[in-house]
Amino acid sequence: MYIEIDGEVLRISDLKSFYNRKGLTLTIPASVAIKLQTGNLGNVIIEDLTNELEINTVVGYIKLTNVTGPITAHSSTGNIDAIFSSVNQSAPISITSSTGMIDVSLPSNTKASVELGSTMGSVFTNFDLIKPREDGLKAVGGQKSIAGNINKGGVKIALKASVGNIYLRKK
């Protein structure tokens, strides 16, 4: 384990081979901004943070619970789940996965301009962007993408997957 403090930046590196890692649990104040890269293998679970998150995994899932953003998250191979307690309107949110499903839940009163797209998957939402199916979810076919405003628009939210479905849900 390597720890370095540079001004207001704390860097923590696990120098072990990914075969020997046991995981790392950090407890930090909710208002801390985080930039996290897992390397070749590694999952990310973050709960109850109210500041900026920048997360990148190569092979591993990302699970965010009770976050506000802004968020930039990417997984090359892995699902991304994000449950927002509220949505910070100060900067855009971008969540992308090359191979994996994206499932995002927003409070129903969120103001956002959304762009949803999947190259080899489908897009589903229960926000009033398109007509609902019988099960209450809304599928977007054809181009497999949709752009629209939630509650007359607001912060830009982009959810993009190359291979995998996208779910945008009301919370």
N, C-alpha and C. Protein backbone atom coordinates (compact mmCIF):
# COMPACT_ATOMS: atom_id res chain seq x y z
N MET A 1 0.85 -1.17 0.00
CA MET A 1 0.00 0.00 0.00
C MET A 1 0.90 1.23 0.00
N TYR A 2 0.57 2.17 -0.87
CA TYR A 2 1.33 3.41 -0.99
C TYR A 2 0.37 4.58 -0.76
N ILE A 3 0.71 5.48 0.18
CA ILE A 3 -0.12 6.63 0.49
C ILE A 3 0.73 7.89 0.37
N GLU A 4 0.20 8.89 -0.36
CA GLU A 4 0.92 10.14 -0.58
C GLU A 4 -0.05 11.30 -0.40
N ILE A 5 0.39 12.35 0.28
CA ILE A 5 -0.41 13.55 0.43
C ILE A 5 0.30 14.66 -0.33
N ASP A 6 -0.45 15.29 -1.25
CA ASP A 6 0.08 16.39 -2.06
C ASP A 6 -0.90 17.55 -1.97
N GLY A 7 -0.65 18.47 -1.04
CA GLY A 7 -1.59 19.57 -0.81
C GLY A 7 -2.90 19.02 -0.28
N GLU A 8 -3.99 19.25 -1.03
CA GLU A 8 -5.30 18.76 -0.62
C GLU A 8 -5.64 17.42 -1.27
N VAL A 9 -4.66 16.79 -1.93
CA VAL A 9 -4.90 15.53 -2.64
C VAL A 9 -4.27 14.38 -1.85
N LEU A 10 -5.07 13.35 -1.62
CA LEU A 10 -4.60 12.13 -0.97
C LEU A 10 -4.60 11.03 -2.03
N ARG A 11 -3.44 10.43 -2.29
CA ARG A 11 -3.34 9.34 -3.25
C ARG A 11 -3.08 8.05 -2.50
N ILE A 12 -3.91 7.06 -2.80
CA ILE A 12 -3.74 5.73 -2.20
C ILE A 12 -3.60 4.74 -3.33
N SER A 13 -2.52 3.99 -3.33
CA SER A 13 -2.28 3.00 -4.37
C SER A 13 -2.06 1.64 -3.73
N ASP A 14 -2.76 0.65 -4.26
CA ASP A 14 -2.54 -0.73 -3.82
C ASP A 14 -1.56 -1.33 -4.82
N LEU A 15 -0.34 -1.56 -4.38
CA LEU A 15 0.72 -2.00 -5.27
C LEU A 15 0.76 -3.51 -5.45
N LYS A 16 -0.14 -4.23 -4.79
CA LYS A 16 -0.16 -5.68 -4.92
C LYS A 16 -0.72 -6.10 -6.26
N SER A 17 -0.34 -7.27 -6.71
CA SER A 17 -0.94 -7.87 -7.89
C SER A 17 -2.42 -8.03 -7.64
N PHE A 18 -3.26 -7.90 -8.70
CA PHE A 18 -4.71 -8.02 -8.48
C PHE A 18 -5.09 -9.41 -7.99
N TYR A 19 -4.21 -10.40 -8.14
CA TYR A 19 -4.49 -11.75 -7.62
C TYR A 19 -4.39 -11.79 -6.09
N ASN A 20 -3.64 -10.86 -5.50
CA ASN A 20 -3.41 -10.84 -4.06
C ASN A 20 -4.22 -9.77 -3.32
N ARG A 21 -5.00 -8.99 -4.03
CA ARG A 21 -5.77 -7.92 -3.38
C ARG A 21 -6.97 -8.48 -2.64
N LYS A 22 -7.26 -7.87 -1.51
CA LYS A 22 -8.42 -8.28 -0.70
C LYS A 22 -9.51 -7.22 -0.72
N GLY A 23 -9.27 -6.08 -1.35
CA GLY A 23 -10.23 -4.99 -1.35
C GLY A 23 -9.77 -3.90 -0.42
N LEU A 24 -10.36 -2.75 -0.58
CA LEU A 24 -9.99 -1.59 0.20
C LEU A 24 -11.26 -0.85 0.58
N THR A 25 -11.43 -0.57 1.85
CA THR A 25 -12.60 0.16 2.33
C THR A 25 -12.11 1.46 2.96
N LEU A 26 -12.67 2.58 2.48
CA LEU A 26 -12.32 3.89 3.01
C LEU A 26 -13.58 4.55 3.56
N THR A 27 -13.48 5.19 4.70
CA THR A 27 -14.56 6.00 5.24
C THR A 27 -14.09 7.44 5.20
N ILE A 28 -14.83 8.26 4.44
CA ILE A 28 -14.43 9.65 4.23
C ILE A 28 -15.63 10.56 4.41
N PRO A 29 -15.39 11.86 4.60
CA PRO A 29 -16.53 12.79 4.69
C PRO A 29 -17.35 12.79 3.39
N ALA A 30 -18.64 13.01 3.50
CA ALA A 30 -19.54 12.95 2.35
C ALA A 30 -19.23 14.01 1.30
N SER A 31 -18.58 15.09 1.69
CA SER A 31 -18.35 16.20 0.77
C SER A 31 -17.02 16.12 0.02
N VAL A 32 -16.28 15.02 0.15
CA VAL A 32 -14.99 14.86 -0.51
C VAL A 32 -15.19 14.49 -1.97
N ALA A 33 -14.43 15.14 -2.86
CA ALA A 33 -14.45 14.77 -4.28
C ALA A 33 -13.51 13.57 -4.46
N ILE A 34 -13.92 12.62 -5.33
CA ILE A 34 -13.15 11.40 -5.50
C ILE A 34 -12.83 11.16 -6.96
N LYS A 35 -11.59 10.79 -7.22
CA LYS A 35 -11.16 10.29 -8.53
C LYS A 35 -10.60 8.90 -8.27
N LEU A 36 -11.19 7.87 -8.90
CA LEU A 36 -10.85 6.49 -8.60
C LEU A 36 -10.65 5.70 -9.88
N GLN A 37 -9.51 5.01 -9.96
CA GLN A 37 -9.23 4.11 -11.07
C GLN A 37 -8.87 2.76 -10.47
N THR A 38 -9.56 1.71 -10.93
CA THR A 38 -9.33 0.40 -10.32
C THR A 38 -8.25 -0.42 -11.00
N GLY A 39 -7.76 -0.02 -12.15
CA GLY A 39 -6.79 -0.82 -12.86
C GLY A 39 -7.48 -1.96 -13.59
N ASN A 40 -6.78 -3.09 -13.75
CA ASN A 40 -7.29 -4.19 -14.57
C ASN A 40 -8.54 -4.86 -14.02
N LEU A 41 -8.58 -5.16 -12.75
CA LEU A 41 -9.74 -5.81 -12.14
C LEU A 41 -10.11 -5.07 -10.88
N GLY A 42 -11.39 -4.82 -10.71
CA GLY A 42 -11.81 -4.19 -9.47
C GLY A 42 -13.17 -3.58 -9.59
N ASN A 43 -13.96 -3.77 -8.56
CA ASN A 43 -15.30 -3.20 -8.48
C ASN A 43 -15.26 -1.95 -7.60
N VAL A 44 -16.25 -1.08 -7.79
CA VAL A 44 -16.34 0.14 -7.00
C VAL A 44 -17.73 0.22 -6.38
N ILE A 45 -17.79 0.42 -5.08
CA ILE A 45 -19.05 0.64 -4.38
C ILE A 45 -18.89 1.93 -3.59
N ILE A 46 -19.73 2.92 -3.88
CA ILE A 46 -19.67 4.21 -3.19
C ILE A 46 -21.07 4.53 -2.68
N GLU A 47 -21.12 4.97 -1.43
CA GLU A 47 -22.40 5.31 -0.80
C GLU A 47 -22.32 6.68 -0.13
N ASP A 48 -23.42 7.43 -0.23
CA ASP A 48 -23.63 8.64 0.56
C ASP A 48 -22.58 9.73 0.34
N LEU A 49 -22.27 10.05 -0.92
CA LEU A 49 -21.34 11.13 -1.21
C LEU A 49 -22.06 12.26 -1.93
N THR A 50 -21.69 13.49 -1.59
CA THR A 50 -22.39 14.66 -2.12
C THR A 50 -21.46 15.56 -2.92
N ASN A 51 -20.40 15.02 -3.47
CA ASN A 51 -19.48 15.84 -4.25
C ASN A 51 -19.14 15.10 -5.54
N GLU A 52 -18.21 15.66 -6.28
CA GLU A 52 -17.84 15.15 -7.60
C GLU A 52 -17.19 13.77 -7.51
N LEU A 53 -17.61 12.89 -8.43
CA LEU A 53 -17.03 11.55 -8.54
C LEU A 53 -16.52 11.34 -9.96
N GLU A 54 -15.30 10.84 -10.07
CA GLU A 54 -14.74 10.44 -11.36
C GLU A 54 -14.22 9.02 -11.17
N ILE A 55 -14.84 8.06 -11.87
CA ILE A 55 -14.57 6.65 -11.63
C ILE A 55 -14.30 5.95 -12.96
N ASN A 56 -13.27 5.09 -12.97
CA ASN A 56 -12.96 4.32 -14.17
C ASN A 56 -12.57 2.90 -13.77
N THR A 57 -13.29 1.91 -14.34
CA THR A 57 -12.91 0.51 -14.14
C THR A 57 -12.65 -0.10 -15.50
N VAL A 58 -11.74 -1.08 -15.54
CA VAL A 58 -11.48 -1.80 -16.79
C VAL A 58 -12.37 -3.04 -16.82
N VAL A 59 -12.23 -3.90 -15.82
CA VAL A 59 -13.11 -5.06 -15.67
C VAL A 59 -13.66 -5.00 -14.26
N GLY A 60 -14.90 -4.56 -14.11
CA GLY A 60 -15.51 -4.46 -12.80
C GLY A 60 -16.73 -3.58 -12.83
N TYR A 61 -17.63 -3.81 -11.91
CA TYR A 61 -18.87 -3.04 -11.86
C TYR A 61 -18.67 -1.80 -11.01
N ILE A 62 -19.60 -0.85 -11.20
CA ILE A 62 -19.64 0.37 -10.41
C ILE A 62 -21.03 0.47 -9.80
N LYS A 63 -21.10 0.62 -8.48
CA LYS A 63 -22.39 0.75 -7.78
C LYS A 63 -22.34 2.01 -6.93
N LEU A 64 -23.21 2.97 -7.25
CA LEU A 64 -23.28 4.24 -6.54
C LEU A 64 -24.64 4.36 -5.89
N THR A 65 -24.68 4.65 -4.59
CA THR A 65 -25.94 4.76 -3.85
C THR A 65 -25.96 6.06 -3.08
N ASN A 66 -27.08 6.79 -3.18
CA ASN A 66 -27.26 8.06 -2.48
C ASN A 66 -26.15 9.06 -2.81
N VAL A 67 -25.97 9.28 -4.11
CA VAL A 67 -24.99 10.25 -4.60
C VAL A 67 -25.73 11.42 -5.22
N THR A 68 -25.02 12.55 -5.43
CA THR A 68 -25.64 13.74 -6.02
C THR A 68 -24.95 14.19 -7.30
N GLY A 69 -23.70 13.81 -7.48
CA GLY A 69 -22.95 14.26 -8.64
C GLY A 69 -22.31 15.61 -8.36
N PRO A 70 -21.66 16.14 -9.38
CA PRO A 70 -21.50 15.63 -10.73
C PRO A 70 -20.72 14.31 -10.75
N ILE A 71 -20.98 13.52 -11.80
CA ILE A 71 -20.35 12.20 -11.91
C ILE A 71 -19.87 11.97 -13.34
N THR A 72 -18.66 11.46 -13.43
CA THR A 72 -18.14 10.90 -14.67
C THR A 72 -17.74 9.48 -14.32
N ALA A 73 -18.42 8.50 -14.91
CA ALA A 73 -18.13 7.10 -14.59
C ALA A 73 -18.05 6.31 -15.88
N HIS A 74 -17.04 5.44 -15.97
CA HIS A 74 -16.89 4.57 -17.14
C HIS A 74 -16.41 3.19 -16.71
N SER A 75 -17.02 2.17 -17.29
CA SER A 75 -16.55 0.80 -17.11
C SER A 75 -16.36 0.20 -18.49
N SER A 76 -15.17 -0.32 -18.76
CA SER A 76 -14.93 -0.98 -20.04
C SER A 76 -15.73 -2.27 -20.11
N THR A 77 -15.72 -3.05 -19.04
CA THR A 77 -16.49 -4.29 -18.97
C THR A 77 -17.10 -4.39 -17.58
N GLY A 78 -18.36 -4.02 -17.47
CA GLY A 78 -19.04 -4.10 -16.19
C GLY A 78 -20.27 -3.23 -16.16
N ASN A 79 -21.22 -3.63 -15.36
CA ASN A 79 -22.47 -2.88 -15.19
C ASN A 79 -22.23 -1.66 -14.31
N ILE A 80 -23.08 -0.65 -14.50
CA ILE A 80 -23.04 0.55 -13.66
C ILE A 80 -24.44 0.80 -13.12
N ASP A 81 -24.56 0.84 -11.80
CA ASP A 81 -25.82 1.16 -11.12
C ASP A 81 -25.60 2.44 -10.33
N ALA A 82 -26.52 3.40 -10.48
CA ALA A 82 -26.41 4.65 -9.73
C ALA A 82 -27.78 5.07 -9.23
N ILE A 83 -27.87 5.32 -7.94
CA ILE A 83 -29.09 5.82 -7.32
C ILE A 83 -28.77 7.19 -6.74
N PHE A 84 -29.42 8.22 -7.29
CA PHE A 84 -29.18 9.59 -6.86
C PHE A 84 -30.17 9.97 -5.76
N SER A 85 -29.67 10.61 -4.70
CA SER A 85 -30.55 11.15 -3.67
C SER A 85 -31.10 12.50 -4.13
N SER A 86 -30.31 13.24 -4.88
CA SER A 86 -30.68 14.47 -5.57
C SER A 86 -29.66 14.64 -6.68
N VAL A 87 -29.89 15.61 -7.57
CA VAL A 87 -28.96 15.80 -8.69
C VAL A 87 -28.41 17.22 -8.63
N ASN A 88 -27.09 17.32 -8.46
CA ASN A 88 -26.40 18.59 -8.45
C ASN A 88 -26.51 19.21 -9.85
N GLN A 89 -26.95 20.44 -9.93
CA GLN A 89 -27.17 21.10 -11.22
C GLN A 89 -25.94 21.87 -11.71
N SER A 90 -24.80 21.79 -11.01
CA SER A 90 -23.65 22.62 -11.33
C SER A 90 -22.79 22.11 -12.48
N ALA A 91 -22.82 20.83 -12.78
CA ALA A 91 -21.97 20.27 -13.84
C ALA A 91 -22.63 19.00 -14.39
N PRO A 92 -22.30 18.64 -15.63
CA PRO A 92 -22.96 17.50 -16.27
C PRO A 92 -22.59 16.16 -15.63
N ILE A 93 -23.43 15.17 -15.95
CA ILE A 93 -23.22 13.79 -15.51
C ILE A 93 -23.04 12.94 -16.75
N SER A 94 -21.98 12.13 -16.76
CA SER A 94 -21.71 11.25 -17.89
C SER A 94 -21.42 9.85 -17.35
N ILE A 95 -22.23 8.88 -17.76
CA ILE A 95 -22.04 7.49 -17.33
C ILE A 95 -21.99 6.63 -18.58
N THR A 96 -20.88 5.92 -18.78
CA THR A 96 -20.69 5.13 -20.00
C THR A 96 -20.15 3.75 -19.67
N SER A 97 -20.54 2.79 -20.50
CA SER A 97 -20.02 1.43 -20.38
C SER A 97 -19.82 0.87 -21.78
N SER A 98 -18.64 0.29 -22.02
CA SER A 98 -18.39 -0.35 -23.32
C SER A 98 -19.17 -1.65 -23.41
N THR A 99 -19.09 -2.47 -22.37
CA THR A 99 -19.81 -3.74 -22.32
C THR A 99 -20.44 -3.88 -20.95
N GLY A 100 -21.70 -3.53 -20.85
CA GLY A 100 -22.40 -3.64 -19.57
C GLY A 100 -23.63 -2.76 -19.55
N MET A 101 -24.55 -3.13 -18.69
CA MET A 101 -25.81 -2.42 -18.52
C MET A 101 -25.59 -1.18 -17.64
N ILE A 102 -26.38 -0.14 -17.90
CA ILE A 102 -26.38 1.06 -17.08
C ILE A 102 -27.79 1.22 -16.50
N ASP A 103 -27.89 1.33 -15.19
CA ASP A 103 -29.18 1.46 -14.51
C ASP A 103 -29.09 2.65 -13.56
N VAL A 104 -29.82 3.73 -13.87
CA VAL A 104 -29.76 4.96 -13.09
C VAL A 104 -31.15 5.31 -12.57
N SER A 105 -31.24 5.66 -11.29
CA SER A 105 -32.49 6.11 -10.67
C SER A 105 -32.31 7.55 -10.20
N LEU A 106 -33.26 8.40 -10.63
CA LEU A 106 -33.26 9.82 -10.27
C LEU A 106 -34.53 10.17 -9.51
N PRO A 107 -34.47 11.13 -8.59
CA PRO A 107 -35.71 11.60 -7.98
C PRO A 107 -36.65 12.12 -9.07
N SER A 108 -37.94 11.94 -8.89
CA SER A 108 -38.91 12.32 -9.93
C SER A 108 -38.94 13.82 -10.20
N ASN A 109 -38.47 14.64 -9.26
CA ASN A 109 -38.47 16.09 -9.46
C ASN A 109 -37.17 16.62 -10.08
N THR A 110 -36.29 15.75 -10.53
CA THR A 110 -35.02 16.14 -11.14
C THR A 110 -35.26 16.95 -12.40
N LYS A 111 -34.51 18.04 -12.55
CA LYS A 111 -34.53 18.83 -13.78
C LYS A 111 -33.28 18.42 -14.56
N ALA A 112 -33.49 17.88 -15.78
CA ALA A 112 -32.35 17.40 -16.55
C ALA A 112 -32.67 17.39 -18.04
N SER A 113 -31.61 17.55 -18.82
CA SER A 113 -31.66 17.33 -20.26
C SER A 113 -30.87 16.05 -20.49
N VAL A 114 -31.56 15.00 -20.95
CA VAL A 114 -30.94 13.68 -21.01
C VAL A 114 -30.64 13.26 -22.44
N GLU A 115 -29.55 12.50 -22.58
CA GLU A 115 -29.19 11.82 -23.81
C GLU A 115 -28.91 10.38 -23.43
N LEU A 116 -29.71 9.47 -23.96
CA LEU A 116 -29.58 8.05 -23.65
C LEU A 116 -29.31 7.32 -24.96
N GLY A 117 -28.34 6.41 -24.96
CA GLY A 117 -28.08 5.68 -26.20
C GLY A 117 -27.32 4.39 -25.96
N SER A 118 -27.72 3.36 -26.72
CA SER A 118 -27.04 2.07 -26.67
C SER A 118 -26.90 1.55 -28.10
N THR A 119 -25.69 1.19 -28.49
CA THR A 119 -25.44 0.68 -29.83
C THR A 119 -26.04 -0.70 -30.02
N MET A 120 -25.81 -1.59 -29.06
CA MET A 120 -26.31 -2.96 -29.15
C MET A 120 -27.11 -3.32 -27.91
N GLY A 121 -28.12 -2.54 -27.63
CA GLY A 121 -29.00 -2.76 -26.49
C GLY A 121 -30.22 -1.89 -26.68
N SER A 122 -31.05 -1.83 -25.67
CA SER A 122 -32.26 -1.01 -25.71
C SER A 122 -32.23 0.01 -24.59
N VAL A 123 -33.06 1.04 -24.75
CA VAL A 123 -33.15 2.10 -23.77
C VAL A 123 -34.55 2.06 -23.16
N PHE A 124 -34.62 2.07 -21.82
CA PHE A 124 -35.90 2.01 -21.11
C PHE A 124 -35.97 3.16 -20.10
N THR A 125 -37.14 3.76 -19.95
CA THR A 125 -37.33 4.79 -18.94
C THR A 125 -38.80 4.87 -18.57
N ASN A 126 -39.07 5.31 -17.34
CA ASN A 126 -40.44 5.60 -16.96
C ASN A 126 -40.63 7.10 -16.74
N PHE A 127 -39.67 7.92 -17.19
CA PHE A 127 -39.87 9.36 -17.26
C PHE A 127 -40.69 9.66 -18.52
N ASP A 128 -41.35 10.80 -18.56
CA ASP A 128 -42.24 11.15 -19.67
C ASP A 128 -41.45 11.64 -20.88
N LEU A 129 -40.70 10.73 -21.48
CA LEU A 129 -39.97 11.07 -22.70
C LEU A 129 -40.64 10.45 -23.92
N ILE A 130 -41.25 9.27 -23.76
CA ILE A 130 -41.97 8.57 -24.83
C ILE A 130 -43.12 7.77 -24.25
N LYS A 131 -43.95 7.18 -25.11
CA LYS A 131 -45.12 6.41 -24.66
C LYS A 131 -44.70 5.13 -23.92
N PRO A 132 -45.40 4.79 -22.83
CA PRO A 132 -45.04 3.58 -22.06
C PRO A 132 -45.55 2.29 -22.70
N ARG A 133 -44.85 1.20 -22.37
CA ARG A 133 -45.30 -0.15 -22.73
C ARG A 133 -46.30 -0.61 -21.67
N GLU A 134 -46.81 -1.83 -21.83
CA GLU A 134 -47.78 -2.38 -20.87
C GLU A 134 -47.19 -2.50 -19.47
N ASP A 135 -45.89 -2.80 -19.35
CA ASP A 135 -45.28 -2.98 -18.04
C ASP A 135 -44.85 -1.66 -17.39
N GLY A 136 -45.14 -0.53 -18.05
CA GLY A 136 -44.82 0.77 -17.47
C GLY A 136 -43.47 1.33 -17.89
N LEU A 137 -42.58 0.48 -18.41
CA LEU A 137 -41.30 0.97 -18.90
C LEU A 137 -41.46 1.40 -20.35
N LYS A 138 -40.59 2.27 -20.79
CA LYS A 138 -40.66 2.78 -22.15
C LYS A 138 -39.43 2.31 -22.92
N ALA A 139 -39.65 1.60 -24.02
CA ALA A 139 -38.56 1.11 -24.84
C ALA A 139 -38.32 2.05 -26.01
N VAL A 140 -37.07 2.24 -26.33
CA VAL A 140 -36.71 3.04 -27.49
C VAL A 140 -36.06 2.10 -28.49
N GLY A 141 -36.67 1.93 -29.64
CA GLY A 141 -36.13 1.04 -30.66
C GLY A 141 -35.49 1.84 -31.77
N GLY A 142 -35.26 1.18 -32.89
CA GLY A 142 -34.68 1.85 -34.06
C GLY A 142 -33.26 2.29 -33.80
N GLN A 143 -33.06 3.58 -33.59
CA GLN A 143 -31.72 4.12 -33.35
C GLN A 143 -31.20 3.77 -31.96
N LYS A 144 -32.08 3.30 -31.11
CA LYS A 144 -31.73 2.92 -29.74
C LYS A 144 -31.14 4.08 -28.95
N SER A 145 -31.69 5.24 -29.21
CA SER A 145 -31.25 6.42 -28.46
C SER A 145 -32.42 7.37 -28.32
N ILE A 146 -32.31 8.24 -27.34
CA ILE A 146 -33.35 9.25 -27.12
C ILE A 146 -32.72 10.44 -26.41
N ALA A 147 -33.22 11.60 -26.73
CA ALA A 147 -32.80 12.81 -26.04
C ALA A 147 -34.07 13.57 -25.67
N GLY A 148 -34.09 14.18 -24.52
CA GLY A 148 -35.27 14.92 -24.09
C GLY A 148 -35.04 15.61 -22.77
N ASN A 149 -36.04 16.34 -22.35
CA ASN A 149 -35.97 17.08 -21.09
C ASN A 149 -36.87 16.44 -20.04
N ILE A 150 -36.38 16.41 -18.83
CA ILE A 150 -37.17 15.98 -17.68
C ILE A 150 -37.47 17.23 -16.88
N ASN A 151 -38.74 17.44 -16.57
CA ASN A 151 -39.17 18.62 -15.80
C ASN A 151 -38.64 19.93 -16.41
N LYS A 152 -38.80 20.07 -17.71
CA LYS A 152 -38.44 21.26 -18.49
C LYS A 152 -36.94 21.46 -18.65
N GLY A 153 -36.13 20.45 -18.36
CA GLY A 153 -34.69 20.52 -18.61
C GLY A 153 -33.90 21.03 -17.42
N GLY A 154 -32.61 20.80 -17.51
CA GLY A 154 -31.68 21.19 -16.45
C GLY A 154 -30.30 20.68 -16.78
N VAL A 155 -29.62 20.14 -15.79
CA VAL A 155 -28.26 19.64 -15.98
C VAL A 155 -28.24 18.56 -17.06
N LYS A 156 -27.17 18.51 -17.83
CA LYS A 156 -27.05 17.50 -18.88
C LYS A 156 -26.66 16.17 -18.25
N ILE A 157 -27.42 15.12 -18.62
CA ILE A 157 -27.11 13.77 -18.17
C ILE A 157 -27.00 12.89 -19.41
N ALA A 158 -25.83 12.28 -19.62
CA ALA A 158 -25.60 11.40 -20.76
C ALA A 158 -25.34 9.98 -20.25
N LEU A 159 -26.14 9.03 -20.73
CA LEU A 159 -25.96 7.62 -20.41
C LEU A 159 -25.73 6.89 -21.73
N LYS A 160 -24.56 6.29 -21.92
CA LYS A 160 -24.21 5.66 -23.19
C LYS A 160 -23.60 4.29 -22.95
N ALA A 161 -24.07 3.30 -23.72
CA ALA A 161 -23.52 1.95 -23.65
C ALA A 161 -23.29 1.45 -25.07
N SER A 162 -22.17 0.78 -25.30
CA SER A 162 -21.94 0.16 -26.59
C SER A 162 -22.70 -1.15 -26.67
N VAL A 163 -22.51 -2.02 -25.68
CA VAL A 163 -23.19 -3.31 -25.61
C VAL A 163 -23.85 -3.40 -24.25
N GLY A 164 -25.18 -3.24 -24.20
CA GLY A 164 -25.90 -3.32 -22.93
C GLY A 164 -27.08 -2.37 -22.93
N ASN A 165 -28.08 -2.73 -22.17
CA ASN A 165 -29.27 -1.90 -22.04
C ASN A 165 -29.02 -0.71 -21.13
N ILE A 166 -29.87 0.30 -21.30
CA ILE A 166 -29.84 1.47 -20.42
C ILE A 166 -31.21 1.61 -19.79
N TYR A 167 -31.22 1.80 -18.47
CA TYR A 167 -32.45 2.00 -17.70
C TYR A 167 -32.33 3.33 -16.97
N LEU A 168 -33.30 4.22 -17.20
CA LEU A 168 -33.39 5.47 -16.46
C LEU A 168 -34.72 5.44 -15.74
N ARG A 169 -34.66 5.42 -14.40
CA ARG A 169 -35.86 5.18 -13.59
C ARG A 169 -36.16 6.38 -12.68
N LYS A 170 -37.46 6.59 -12.47
CA LYS A 170 -37.91 7.53 -11.44
C LYS A 170 -37.74 6.86 -10.09
N LYS A 171 -37.28 7.61 -9.12
CA LYS A 171 -37.12 7.09 -7.76
C LYS A 171 -38.24 7.59 -6.92
